[in-house]
Amino acid sequence: TRAQAALGPMIEGMGDSDQTAKAYV
C-alpha cells in the first residue's frame, strides 16, 4: 500500500514512451 501510494504520482506523470509500456502491460 505504501509503495502504491509512493509510485502513484510517478505513474500518473509518465511520458508517452512510458505510456506505451503501460498500455502493453
mmCIF file of all heavy atoms, coordinates in Angstrom:
data_MODEL
# 
_entry.id   MODEL 
# 
loop_
_atom_site.group_PDB 
_atom_site.id 
_atom_site.type_symbol 
_atom_site.label_atom_id 
_atom_site.label_alt_id 
_atom_site.label_comp_id 
_atom_site.label_asym_id 
_atom_site.label_entity_id 
_atom_site.label_seq_id 
_atom_site.pdbx_PDB_ins_code 
_atom_site.Cartn_x 
_atom_site.Cartn_y 
_atom_site.Cartn_z 
_atom_site.occupancy 
_atom_site.B_iso_or_equiv 
_atom_site.pdbx_formal_charge 
_atom_site.auth_seq_id 
_atom_site.auth_comp_id 
_atom_site.auth_asym_id 
_atom_site.auth_atom_id 
_atom_site.pdbx_PDB_model_num 
ATOM 1   N N   . THR A 1 1  ? 0.831  -1.203 0.000   1.00 0.00 ? 1  THR A N   1 
ATOM 2   C CA  . THR A 1 1  ? 0.000  0.000  0.000   1.00 0.00 ? 1  THR A CA  1 
ATOM 3   C C   . THR A 1 1  ? 0.866  1.254  0.000   1.00 0.00 ? 1  THR A C   1 
ATOM 4   O O   . THR A 1 1  ? 0.595  2.205  -0.748  1.00 0.00 ? 1  THR A O   1 
ATOM 5   C CB  . THR A 1 1  ? -0.934 -0.002 1.224   1.00 0.00 ? 1  THR A CB  1 
ATOM 6   O OG1 . THR A 1 1  ? -1.713 -1.201 1.211   1.00 0.00 ? 1  THR A OG1 1 
ATOM 7   C CG2 . THR A 1 1  ? -1.851 1.200  1.216   1.00 0.00 ? 1  THR A CG2 1 
ATOM 8   N N   . ARG A 1 2  ? 1.910  1.257  0.813   1.00 0.00 ? 2  ARG A N   1 
ATOM 9   C CA  . ARG A 1 2  ? 2.821  2.406  0.837   1.00 0.00 ? 2  ARG A CA  1 
ATOM 10  C C   . ARG A 1 2  ? 3.524  2.584  -0.498  1.00 0.00 ? 2  ARG A C   1 
ATOM 11  O O   . ARG A 1 2  ? 3.706  3.707  -0.976  1.00 0.00 ? 2  ARG A O   1 
ATOM 12  C CB  . ARG A 1 2  ? 3.864  2.245  1.934   1.00 0.00 ? 2  ARG A CB  1 
ATOM 13  C CG  . ARG A 1 2  ? 3.350  2.526  3.300   1.00 0.00 ? 2  ARG A CG  1 
ATOM 14  C CD  . ARG A 1 2  ? 4.496  2.471  4.280   1.00 0.00 ? 2  ARG A CD  1 
ATOM 15  N NE  . ARG A 1 2  ? 4.070  2.796  5.619   1.00 0.00 ? 2  ARG A NE  1 
ATOM 16  C CZ  . ARG A 1 2  ? 4.885  2.830  6.643   1.00 0.00 ? 2  ARG A CZ  1 
ATOM 17  N NH1 . ARG A 1 2  ? 6.165  2.558  6.492   1.00 0.00 ? 2  ARG A NH1 1 
ATOM 18  N NH2 . ARG A 1 2  ? 4.435  3.128  7.840   1.00 0.00 ? 2  ARG A NH2 1 
ATOM 19  N N   . ALA A 1 3  ? 3.940  1.476  -1.112  1.00 0.00 ? 3  ALA A N   1 
ATOM 20  C CA  . ALA A 1 3  ? 4.620  1.555  -2.405  1.00 0.00 ? 3  ALA A CA  1 
ATOM 21  C C   . ALA A 1 3  ? 3.677  2.084  -3.472  1.00 0.00 ? 3  ALA A C   1 
ATOM 22  O O   . ALA A 1 3  ? 4.077  2.913  -4.311  1.00 0.00 ? 3  ALA A O   1 
ATOM 23  C CB  . ALA A 1 3  ? 5.160  0.187  -2.805  1.00 0.00 ? 3  ALA A CB  1 
ATOM 24  N N   . GLN A 1 4  ? 2.437  1.641  -3.460  1.00 0.00 ? 4  GLN A N   1 
ATOM 25  C CA  . GLN A 1 4  ? 1.465  2.146  -4.425  1.00 0.00 ? 4  GLN A CA  1 
ATOM 26  C C   . GLN A 1 4  ? 1.230  3.634  -4.229  1.00 0.00 ? 4  GLN A C   1 
ATOM 27  O O   . GLN A 1 4  ? 1.126  4.382  -5.199  1.00 0.00 ? 4  GLN A O   1 
ATOM 28  C CB  . GLN A 1 4  ? 0.135  1.396  -4.297  1.00 0.00 ? 4  GLN A CB  1 
ATOM 29  C CG  . GLN A 1 4  ? 0.175  0.004  -4.868  1.00 0.00 ? 4  GLN A CG  1 
ATOM 30  C CD  . GLN A 1 4  ? -1.127 -0.742 -4.632  1.00 0.00 ? 4  GLN A CD  1 
ATOM 31  O OE1 . GLN A 1 4  ? -1.922 -0.392 -3.758  1.00 0.00 ? 4  GLN A OE1 1 
ATOM 32  N NE2 . GLN A 1 4  ? -1.337 -1.790 -5.404  1.00 0.00 ? 4  GLN A NE2 1 
ATOM 33  N N   . ALA A 1 5  ? 1.146  4.060  -2.990  1.00 0.00 ? 5  ALA A N   1 
ATOM 34  C CA  . ALA A 1 5  ? 0.938  5.484  -2.718  1.00 0.00 ? 5  ALA A CA  1 
ATOM 35  C C   . ALA A 1 5  ? 2.138  6.305  -3.179  1.00 0.00 ? 5  ALA A C   1 
ATOM 36  O O   . ALA A 1 5  ? 1.976  7.415  -3.700  1.00 0.00 ? 5  ALA A O   1 
ATOM 37  C CB  . ALA A 1 5  ? 0.687  5.704  -1.228  1.00 0.00 ? 5  ALA A CB  1 
ATOM 38  N N   . ALA A 1 6  ? 3.334  5.771  -3.007  1.00 0.00 ? 6  ALA A N   1 
ATOM 39  C CA  . ALA A 1 6  ? 4.536  6.498  -3.410  1.00 0.00 ? 6  ALA A CA  1 
ATOM 40  C C   . ALA A 1 6  ? 4.722  6.482  -4.923  1.00 0.00 ? 6  ALA A C   1 
ATOM 41  O O   . ALA A 1 6  ? 5.171  7.474  -5.514  1.00 0.00 ? 6  ALA A O   1 
ATOM 42  C CB  . ALA A 1 6  ? 5.763  5.901  -2.733  1.00 0.00 ? 6  ALA A CB  1 
ATOM 43  N N   . LEU A 1 7  ? 4.366  5.374  -5.571  1.00 0.00 ? 7  LEU A N   1 
ATOM 44  C CA  . LEU A 1 7  ? 4.573  5.252  -7.007  1.00 0.00 ? 7  LEU A CA  1 
ATOM 45  C C   . LEU A 1 7  ? 3.407  5.808  -7.823  1.00 0.00 ? 7  LEU A C   1 
ATOM 46  O O   . LEU A 1 7  ? 3.570  6.060  -9.017  1.00 0.00 ? 7  LEU A O   1 
ATOM 47  C CB  . LEU A 1 7  ? 4.801  3.789  -7.389  1.00 0.00 ? 7  LEU A CB  1 
ATOM 48  C CG  . LEU A 1 7  ? 6.072  3.156  -6.840  1.00 0.00 ? 7  LEU A CG  1 
ATOM 49  C CD1 . LEU A 1 7  ? 6.117  1.674  -7.177  1.00 0.00 ? 7  LEU A CD1 1 
ATOM 50  C CD2 . LEU A 1 7  ? 7.298  3.863  -7.389  1.00 0.00 ? 7  LEU A CD2 1 
ATOM 51  N N   . GLY A 1 8  ? 2.269  6.001  -7.194  1.00 0.00 ? 8  GLY A N   1 
ATOM 52  C CA  . GLY A 1 8  ? 1.093  6.512  -7.906  1.00 0.00 ? 8  GLY A CA  1 
ATOM 53  C C   . GLY A 1 8  ? 1.351  7.806  -8.647  1.00 0.00 ? 8  GLY A C   1 
ATOM 54  O O   . GLY A 1 8  ? 1.066  7.907  -9.853  1.00 0.00 ? 8  GLY A O   1 
ATOM 55  N N   . PRO A 1 9  ? 1.893  8.824  -7.998  1.00 0.00 ? 9  PRO A N   1 
ATOM 56  C CA  . PRO A 1 9  ? 2.159  10.073 -8.709  1.00 0.00 ? 9  PRO A CA  1 
ATOM 57  C C   . PRO A 1 9  ? 3.166  9.910  -9.853  1.00 0.00 ? 9  PRO A C   1 
ATOM 58  O O   . PRO A 1 9  ? 3.039  10.572 -10.885 1.00 0.00 ? 9  PRO A O   1 
ATOM 59  C CB  . PRO A 1 9  ? 2.739  10.995 -7.624  1.00 0.00 ? 9  PRO A CB  1 
ATOM 60  C CG  . PRO A 1 9  ? 2.235  10.429 -6.346  1.00 0.00 ? 9  PRO A CG  1 
ATOM 61  C CD  . PRO A 1 9  ? 2.110  8.963  -6.570  1.00 0.00 ? 9  PRO A CD  1 
ATOM 62  N N   . MET A 1 10 ? 4.133  9.032  -9.688  1.00 0.00 ? 10 MET A N   1 
ATOM 63  C CA  . MET A 1 10 ? 5.105  8.820  -10.758 1.00 0.00 ? 10 MET A CA  1 
ATOM 64  C C   . MET A 1 10 ? 4.458  8.164  -11.968 1.00 0.00 ? 10 MET A C   1 
ATOM 65  O O   . MET A 1 10 ? 4.773  8.498  -13.110 1.00 0.00 ? 10 MET A O   1 
ATOM 66  C CB  . MET A 1 10 ? 6.271  7.963  -10.266 1.00 0.00 ? 10 MET A CB  1 
ATOM 67  C CG  . MET A 1 10 ? 7.196  8.704  -9.322  1.00 0.00 ? 10 MET A CG  1 
ATOM 68  S SD  . MET A 1 10 ? 8.731  7.850  -9.013  1.00 0.00 ? 10 MET A SD  1 
ATOM 69  C CE  . MET A 1 10 ? 8.195  6.512  -7.985  1.00 0.00 ? 10 MET A CE  1 
ATOM 70  N N   . ILE A 1 11 ? 3.551  7.237  -11.733 1.00 0.00 ? 11 ILE A N   1 
ATOM 71  C CA  . ILE A 1 11 ? 2.880  6.564  -12.841 1.00 0.00 ? 11 ILE A CA  1 
ATOM 72  C C   . ILE A 1 11 ? 1.957  7.534  -13.562 1.00 0.00 ? 11 ILE A C   1 
ATOM 73  O O   . ILE A 1 11 ? 1.851  7.511  -14.788 1.00 0.00 ? 11 ILE A O   1 
ATOM 74  C CB  . ILE A 1 11 ? 2.109  5.325  -12.330 1.00 0.00 ? 11 ILE A CB  1 
ATOM 75  C CG1 . ILE A 1 11 ? 3.108  4.273  -11.854 1.00 0.00 ? 11 ILE A CG1 1 
ATOM 76  C CG2 . ILE A 1 11 ? 1.196  4.756  -13.394 1.00 0.00 ? 11 ILE A CG2 1 
ATOM 77  C CD1 . ILE A 1 11 ? 2.492  3.076  -11.187 1.00 0.00 ? 11 ILE A CD1 1 
ATOM 78  N N   . GLU A 1 12 ? 1.291  8.384  -12.799 1.00 0.00 ? 12 GLU A N   1 
ATOM 79  C CA  . GLU A 1 12 ? 0.407  9.384  -13.411 1.00 0.00 ? 12 GLU A CA  1 
ATOM 80  C C   . GLU A 1 12 ? 1.187  10.348 -14.299 1.00 0.00 ? 12 GLU A C   1 
ATOM 81  O O   . GLU A 1 12 ? 0.683  10.818 -15.304 1.00 0.00 ? 12 GLU A O   1 
ATOM 82  C CB  . GLU A 1 12 ? -0.349 10.153 -12.322 1.00 0.00 ? 12 GLU A CB  1 
ATOM 83  C CG  . GLU A 1 12 ? -1.300 9.308  -11.509 1.00 0.00 ? 12 GLU A CG  1 
ATOM 84  C CD  . GLU A 1 12 ? -2.459 8.785  -12.324 1.00 0.00 ? 12 GLU A CD  1 
ATOM 85  O OE1 . GLU A 1 12 ? -2.913 9.484  -13.250 1.00 0.00 ? 12 GLU A OE1 1 
ATOM 86  O OE2 . GLU A 1 12 ? -2.898 7.658  -12.036 1.00 0.00 ? 12 GLU A OE2 1 
ATOM 87  N N   . GLY A 1 13 ? 2.410  10.656 -13.916 1.00 0.00 ? 13 GLY A N   1 
ATOM 88  C CA  . GLY A 1 13 ? 3.201  11.622 -14.668 1.00 0.00 ? 13 GLY A CA  1 
ATOM 89  C C   . GLY A 1 13 ? 4.094  11.000 -15.720 1.00 0.00 ? 13 GLY A C   1 
ATOM 90  O O   . GLY A 1 13 ? 5.065  11.619 -16.155 1.00 0.00 ? 13 GLY A O   1 
ATOM 91  N N   . MET A 1 14 ? 3.793  9.794  -16.157 1.00 0.00 ? 14 MET A N   1 
ATOM 92  C CA  . MET A 1 14 ? 4.635  9.123  -17.142 1.00 0.00 ? 14 MET A CA  1 
ATOM 93  C C   . MET A 1 14 ? 4.523  9.802  -18.503 1.00 0.00 ? 14 MET A C   1 
ATOM 94  O O   . MET A 1 14 ? 3.478  10.310 -18.885 1.00 0.00 ? 14 MET A O   1 
ATOM 95  C CB  . MET A 1 14 ? 4.241  7.643  -17.271 1.00 0.00 ? 14 MET A CB  1 
ATOM 96  C CG  . MET A 1 14 ? 4.557  6.836  -16.036 1.00 0.00 ? 14 MET A CG  1 
ATOM 97  S SD  . MET A 1 14 ? 3.835  5.200  -16.040 1.00 0.00 ? 14 MET A SD  1 
ATOM 98  C CE  . MET A 1 14 ? 4.925  4.336  -17.122 1.00 0.00 ? 14 MET A CE  1 
ATOM 99  N N   . GLY A 1 15 ? 5.605  9.758  -19.249 1.00 0.00 ? 15 GLY A N   1 
ATOM 100 C CA  . GLY A 1 15 ? 5.631  10.330 -20.592 1.00 0.00 ? 15 GLY A CA  1 
ATOM 101 C C   . GLY A 1 15 ? 5.000  9.392  -21.599 1.00 0.00 ? 15 GLY A C   1 
ATOM 102 O O   . GLY A 1 15 ? 4.484  8.326  -21.275 1.00 0.00 ? 15 GLY A O   1 
ATOM 103 N N   . ASP A 1 16 ? 5.060  9.783  -22.914 1.00 0.00 ? 16 ASP A N   1 
ATOM 104 C CA  . ASP A 1 16 ? 4.436  8.980  -23.970 1.00 0.00 ? 16 ASP A CA  1 
ATOM 105 C C   . ASP A 1 16 ? 5.097  7.618  -24.135 1.00 0.00 ? 16 ASP A C   1 
ATOM 106 O O   . ASP A 1 16 ? 4.429  6.616  -24.343 1.00 0.00 ? 16 ASP A O   1 
ATOM 107 C CB  . ASP A 1 16 ? 4.484  9.735  -25.302 1.00 0.00 ? 16 ASP A CB  1 
ATOM 108 C CG  . ASP A 1 16 ? 3.569  10.962 -25.304 1.00 0.00 ? 16 ASP A CG  1 
ATOM 109 O OD1 . ASP A 1 16 ? 2.598  10.959 -24.515 1.00 0.00 ? 16 ASP A OD1 1 
ATOM 110 O OD2 . ASP A 1 16 ? 3.826  11.880 -26.091 1.00 0.00 ? 16 ASP A OD2 1 
ATOM 111 N N   . SER A 1 17 ? 6.426  7.544  -24.052 1.00 0.00 ? 17 SER A N   1 
ATOM 112 C CA  . SER A 1 17 ? 7.104  6.258  -24.213 1.00 0.00 ? 17 SER A CA  1 
ATOM 113 C C   . SER A 1 17 ? 6.762  5.330  -23.054 1.00 0.00 ? 17 SER A C   1 
ATOM 114 O O   . SER A 1 17 ? 6.621  4.118  -23.237 1.00 0.00 ? 17 SER A O   1 
ATOM 115 C CB  . SER A 1 17 ? 8.610  6.453  -24.307 1.00 0.00 ? 17 SER A CB  1 
ATOM 116 O OG  . SER A 1 17 ? 9.102  7.018  -23.106 1.00 0.00 ? 17 SER A OG  1 
ATOM 117 N N   . ASP A 1 18 ? 6.621  5.904  -21.890 1.00 0.00 ? 18 ASP A N   1 
ATOM 118 C CA  . ASP A 1 18 ? 6.250  5.095  -20.734 1.00 0.00 ? 18 ASP A CA  1 
ATOM 119 C C   . ASP A 1 18 ? 4.798  4.657  -20.815 1.00 0.00 ? 18 ASP A C   1 
ATOM 120 O O   . ASP A 1 18 ? 4.434  3.587  -20.344 1.00 0.00 ? 18 ASP A O   1 
ATOM 121 C CB  . ASP A 1 18 ? 6.499  5.863  -19.441 1.00 0.00 ? 18 ASP A CB  1 
ATOM 122 C CG  . ASP A 1 18 ? 7.974  6.141  -19.203 1.00 0.00 ? 18 ASP A CG  1 
ATOM 123 O OD1 . ASP A 1 18 ? 8.805  5.348  -19.686 1.00 0.00 ? 18 ASP A OD1 1 
ATOM 124 O OD2 . ASP A 1 18 ? 8.293  7.143  -18.547 1.00 0.00 ? 18 ASP A OD2 1 
ATOM 125 N N   . GLN A 1 19 ? 3.968  5.488  -21.412 1.00 0.00 ? 19 GLN A N   1 
ATOM 126 C CA  . GLN A 1 19 ? 2.554  5.133  -21.590 1.00 0.00 ? 19 GLN A CA  1 
ATOM 127 C C   . GLN A 1 19 ? 2.427  3.923  -22.513 1.00 0.00 ? 19 GLN A C   1 
ATOM 128 O O   . GLN A 1 19 ? 1.538  3.097  -22.341 1.00 0.00 ? 19 GLN A O   1 
ATOM 129 C CB  . GLN A 1 19 ? 1.759  6.325  -22.140 1.00 0.00 ? 19 GLN A CB  1 
ATOM 130 C CG  . GLN A 1 19 ? 1.554  7.435  -21.141 1.00 0.00 ? 19 GLN A CG  1 
ATOM 131 C CD  . GLN A 1 19 ? 0.642  7.042  -19.985 1.00 0.00 ? 19 GLN A CD  1 
ATOM 132 O OE1 . GLN A 1 19 ? -0.041 6.032  -20.023 1.00 0.00 ? 19 GLN A OE1 1 
ATOM 133 N NE2 . GLN A 1 19 ? 0.644  7.856  -18.945 1.00 0.00 ? 19 GLN A NE2 1 
ATOM 134 N N   . THR A 1 20 ? 3.312  3.825  -23.507 1.00 0.00 ? 20 THR A N   1 
ATOM 135 C CA  . THR A 1 20 ? 3.295  2.673  -24.412 1.00 0.00 ? 20 THR A CA  1 
ATOM 136 C C   . THR A 1 20 ? 3.577  1.402  -23.634 1.00 0.00 ? 20 THR A C   1 
ATOM 137 O O   . THR A 1 20 ? 2.906  0.381  -23.835 1.00 0.00 ? 20 THR A O   1 
ATOM 138 C CB  . THR A 1 20 ? 4.345  2.858  -25.526 1.00 0.00 ? 20 THR A CB  1 
ATOM 139 O OG1 . THR A 1 20 ? 4.099  4.099  -26.182 1.00 0.00 ? 20 THR A OG1 1 
ATOM 140 C CG2 . THR A 1 20 ? 4.293  1.727  -26.523 1.00 0.00 ? 20 THR A CG2 1 
ATOM 141 N N   . ALA A 1 21 ? 4.569  1.446  -22.753 1.00 0.00 ? 21 ALA A N   1 
ATOM 142 C CA  . ALA A 1 21 ? 4.889  0.281  -21.926 1.00 0.00 ? 21 ALA A CA  1 
ATOM 143 C C   . ALA A 1 21 ? 3.722  -0.061 -21.004 1.00 0.00 ? 21 ALA A C   1 
ATOM 144 O O   . ALA A 1 21 ? 3.389  -1.234 -20.818 1.00 0.00 ? 21 ALA A O   1 
ATOM 145 C CB  . ALA A 1 21 ? 6.148  0.547  -21.113 1.00 0.00 ? 21 ALA A CB  1 
ATOM 146 N N   . LYS A 1 22 ? 3.094  0.970  -20.453 1.00 0.00 ? 22 LYS A N   1 
ATOM 147 C CA  . LYS A 1 22 ? 1.946  0.757  -19.569 1.00 0.00 ? 22 LYS A CA  1 
ATOM 148 C C   . LYS A 1 22 ? 0.796  0.105  -20.345 1.00 0.00 ? 22 LYS A C   1 
ATOM 149 O O   . LYS A 1 22 ? 0.164  -0.834 -19.855 1.00 0.00 ? 22 LYS A O   1 
ATOM 150 C CB  . LYS A 1 22 ? 1.506  2.090  -18.966 1.00 0.00 ? 22 LYS A CB  1 
ATOM 151 C CG  . LYS A 1 22 ? 0.386  1.982  -17.971 1.00 0.00 ? 22 LYS A CG  1 
ATOM 152 C CD  . LYS A 1 22 ? 0.035  3.348  -17.407 1.00 0.00 ? 22 LYS A CD  1 
ATOM 153 C CE  . LYS A 1 22 ? -1.175 3.272  -16.519 1.00 0.00 ? 22 LYS A CE  1 
ATOM 154 N NZ  . LYS A 1 22 ? -1.571 4.582  -16.027 1.00 0.00 ? 22 LYS A NZ  1 
ATOM 155 N N   . ALA A 1 23 ? 0.539  0.578  -21.552 1.00 0.00 ? 23 ALA A N   1 
ATOM 156 C CA  . ALA A 1 23 ? -0.524 0.007  -22.377 1.00 0.00 ? 23 ALA A CA  1 
ATOM 157 C C   . ALA A 1 23 ? -0.211 -1.444 -22.746 1.00 0.00 ? 23 ALA A C   1 
ATOM 158 O O   . ALA A 1 23 ? -1.115 -2.294 -22.792 1.00 0.00 ? 23 ALA A O   1 
ATOM 159 C CB  . ALA A 1 23 ? -0.711 0.842  -23.633 1.00 0.00 ? 23 ALA A CB  1 
ATOM 160 N N   . TYR A 1 24 ? 1.066  -1.740 -22.993 1.00 0.00 ? 24 TYR A N   1 
ATOM 161 C CA  . TYR A 1 24 ? 1.475  -3.102 -23.323 1.00 0.00 ? 24 TYR A CA  1 
ATOM 162 C C   . TYR A 1 24 ? 1.202  -4.044 -22.149 1.00 0.00 ? 24 TYR A C   1 
ATOM 163 O O   . TYR A 1 24 ? 0.656  -5.135 -22.326 1.00 0.00 ? 24 TYR A O   1 
ATOM 164 C CB  . TYR A 1 24 ? 2.956  -3.133 -23.708 1.00 0.00 ? 24 TYR A CB  1 
ATOM 165 C CG  . TYR A 1 24 ? 3.481  -4.517 -23.995 1.00 0.00 ? 24 TYR A CG  1 
ATOM 166 C CD1 . TYR A 1 24 ? 3.141  -5.173 -25.162 1.00 0.00 ? 24 TYR A CD1 1 
ATOM 167 C CD2 . TYR A 1 24 ? 4.312  -5.159 -23.071 1.00 0.00 ? 24 TYR A CD2 1 
ATOM 168 C CE1 . TYR A 1 24 ? 3.611  -6.450 -25.423 1.00 0.00 ? 24 TYR A CE1 1 
ATOM 169 C CE2 . TYR A 1 24 ? 4.788  -6.422 -23.322 1.00 0.00 ? 24 TYR A CE2 1 
ATOM 170 C CZ  . TYR A 1 24 ? 4.440  -7.066 -24.496 1.00 0.00 ? 24 TYR A CZ  1 
ATOM 171 O OH  . TYR A 1 24 ? 4.912  -8.322 -24.740 1.00 0.00 ? 24 TYR A OH  1 
ATOM 172 N N   . VAL A 1 25 ? 1.578  -3.616 -20.947 1.00 0.00 ? 25 VAL A N   1 
ATOM 173 C CA  . VAL A 1 25 ? 1.354  -4.443 -19.754 1.00 0.00 ? 25 VAL A CA  1 
ATOM 174 C C   . VAL A 1 25 ? -0.137 -4.639 -19.519 1.00 0.00 ? 25 VAL A C   1 
ATOM 175 O O   . VAL A 1 25 ? -0.591 -5.746 -19.204 1.00 0.00 ? 25 VAL A O   1 
ATOM 176 C CB  . VAL A 1 25 ? 2.039  -3.812 -18.526 1.00 0.00 ? 25 VAL A CB  1 
ATOM 177 C CG1 . VAL A 1 25 ? 1.619  -4.506 -17.243 1.00 0.00 ? 25 VAL A CG1 1 
ATOM 178 C CG2 . VAL A 1 25 ? 3.546  -3.844 -18.681 1.00 0.00 ? 25 VAL A CG2 1 
# 
